[in-house]
Amino acid sequence: MNNQKMLLGLFAGVAVGAAMGILFAPEKGSDIRRKISTKGNDYKNNLRDKFGNLVDSASGTVENVKSKINEFTGQSASGSGEFAASTSGSSASGTNSGARKSQGAGTGSSM
C-alpha cells in the first residue's frame, strides 16, 4: 500500500472520529463550540510562537554564516560595500583614461 494513501486514510479516520465524538458528546453545543474555539486559539498561538522561533533561529544562522564568510574572505560587512564602490569607480575611470589615450593617439598621428 502506498504511504500517501495510508496517511490520507489515517487523517480521514481521525477527522471522522473527532466529528463522531462531537456529535455524541454529552455536553451542550455551546460548551463544545467554546472548547473548540479555545483549543483552536491555543494551537494558533502555539504555532505562531514556534514559527517566530524558527524565523529567529534562521536569521541567527544566516548572520552566523555571513560572519564566517566575511572572516574567510577577510572583509567586513561594510568593507564589502566599499569594495564594490571602489571597483565600479576604478573601471569607470579606466574607461575614461583609455578614451583619452585613443583621442590623443588619433590627434598625434594626424599631425
Protein backbone atom coordinates (compact mmCIF):
# COMPACT_ATOMS: atom_id res chain seq x y z
CA MET A 1 0.00 0.00 0.00
CA ASN A 2 1.21 3.47 -0.87
CA ASN A 3 2.35 5.61 2.10
CA GLN A 4 0.33 8.59 0.87
CA LYS A 5 -2.87 6.56 0.79
CA MET A 6 -2.16 5.22 4.25
CA LEU A 7 -1.62 8.74 5.65
CA LEU A 8 -4.75 10.01 3.90
CA GLY A 9 -6.74 7.17 5.43
CA LEU A 10 -5.30 7.89 8.86
CA PHE A 11 -6.22 11.59 8.68
CA ALA A 12 -9.70 10.78 7.37
CA GLY A 13 -10.19 8.35 10.26
CA VAL A 14 -9.11 10.95 12.78
CA ALA A 15 -11.47 13.54 11.27
CA VAL A 16 -14.43 11.13 11.27
CA GLY A 17 -13.65 10.09 14.85
CA ALA A 18 -13.50 13.70 16.00
CA ALA A 19 -16.77 14.51 14.26
CA MET A 20 -18.49 11.48 15.83
CA GLY A 21 -17.13 12.42 19.24
CA ILE A 22 -18.54 15.92 18.93
CA LEU A 23 -21.94 14.69 17.71
CA PHE A 24 -22.38 12.18 20.52
CA ALA A 25 -20.86 14.26 23.32
CA PRO A 26 -22.99 14.64 26.46
CA GLU A 27 -22.32 18.38 26.66
CA LYS A 28 -24.28 21.29 25.24
CA GLY A 29 -23.34 22.52 21.77
CA SER A 30 -22.36 25.97 23.03
CA ASP A 31 -19.90 24.43 25.50
CA ILE A 32 -18.38 22.24 22.80
CA ARG A 33 -18.03 25.21 20.42
CA ARG A 34 -16.36 27.24 23.15
CA LYS A 35 -13.90 24.41 23.83
CA ILE A 36 -13.15 24.02 20.13
CA SER A 37 -12.60 27.77 19.80
CA THR A 38 -10.31 27.84 22.84
CA LYS A 39 -8.27 24.88 21.61
CA GLY A 40 -8.05 26.39 18.13
CA ASN A 41 -6.73 29.65 19.55
CA ASP A 42 -4.24 27.74 21.70
CA TYR A 43 -2.96 25.82 18.68
CA LYS A 44 -2.82 29.01 16.60
CA ASN A 45 -0.80 30.87 19.27
CA ASN A 46 1.50 27.88 19.77
CA LEU A 47 2.11 27.63 16.02
CA ARG A 48 2.77 31.39 15.79
CA ASP A 49 5.32 31.16 18.63
CA LYS A 50 7.07 28.18 17.05
CA PHE A 51 7.18 29.93 13.66
CA GLY A 52 8.63 33.05 15.31
CA ASN A 53 11.29 30.93 16.99
CA LEU A 54 12.08 29.27 13.67
CA VAL A 55 12.46 32.65 11.94
CA ASP A 56 14.68 33.95 14.75
CA SER A 57 16.82 30.83 14.60
CA ALA A 58 17.10 31.01 10.82
CA SER A 59 18.08 34.68 10.84
CA GLY A 60 20.67 33.96 13.54
CA THR A 61 22.09 31.17 11.39
CA VAL A 62 22.20 33.46 8.35
CA GLU A 63 24.07 36.12 10.33
CA ASN A 64 26.49 33.47 11.59
CA VAL A 65 27.14 32.24 8.04
CA LYS A 66 27.64 35.83 6.84
CA SER A 67 30.21 36.48 9.56
CA LYS A 68 32.03 33.22 8.77
CA ILE A 69 32.15 34.16 5.08
CA ASN A 70 33.43 37.62 5.93
CA GLU A 71 36.09 36.09 8.20
CA PHE A 72 37.11 33.71 5.44
CA THR A 73 37.34 36.38 2.78
CA GLY A 74 38.89 38.95 5.12
CA GLN A 75 36.22 41.56 4.55
CA SER A 76 33.89 43.25 6.99
CA ALA A 77 30.20 43.74 6.23
CA SER A 78 30.75 47.43 5.46
CA GLY A 79 34.03 46.70 3.68
CA SER A 80 32.30 44.64 1.03
CA GLY A 81 30.18 47.64 0.04
CA GLU A 82 33.26 49.83 -0.13
CA PHE A 83 34.97 47.21 -2.29
CA ALA A 84 32.07 47.20 -4.75
CA ALA A 85 32.06 51.01 -4.90
CA SER A 86 35.82 51.19 -5.43
CA THR A 87 35.77 48.59 -8.20
CA SER A 88 32.95 50.28 -10.06
CA GLY A 89 34.73 53.65 -9.76
CA SER A 90 38.04 52.30 -10.99
CA SER A 91 36.53 50.68 -14.05
CA ALA A 92 34.79 53.91 -14.98
CA SER A 93 37.97 55.94 -14.62
CA GLY A 94 39.93 53.30 -16.52
CA THR A 95 37.46 53.55 -19.39
CA ASN A 96 37.78 57.33 -19.48
CA SER A 97 41.55 57.26 -19.46
CA GLY A 98 41.50 54.74 -22.28
CA ALA A 99 39.23 57.03 -24.27
CA ARG A 100 41.62 59.92 -23.69
CA LYS A 101 44.57 57.86 -24.88
CA SER A 102 42.79 56.90 -28.09
CA GLN A 103 41.79 60.50 -28.70
CA GLY A 104 45.35 61.63 -28.08
CA ALA A 105 46.73 58.95 -30.35
CA GLY A 106 44.37 59.95 -33.12
CA THR A 107 45.30 63.63 -32.98
CA GLY A 108 49.01 62.88 -32.69
CA SER A 109 49.11 60.67 -35.77
CA SER A 110 47.26 63.13 -37.97
CA MET A 111 49.78 65.92 -37.36
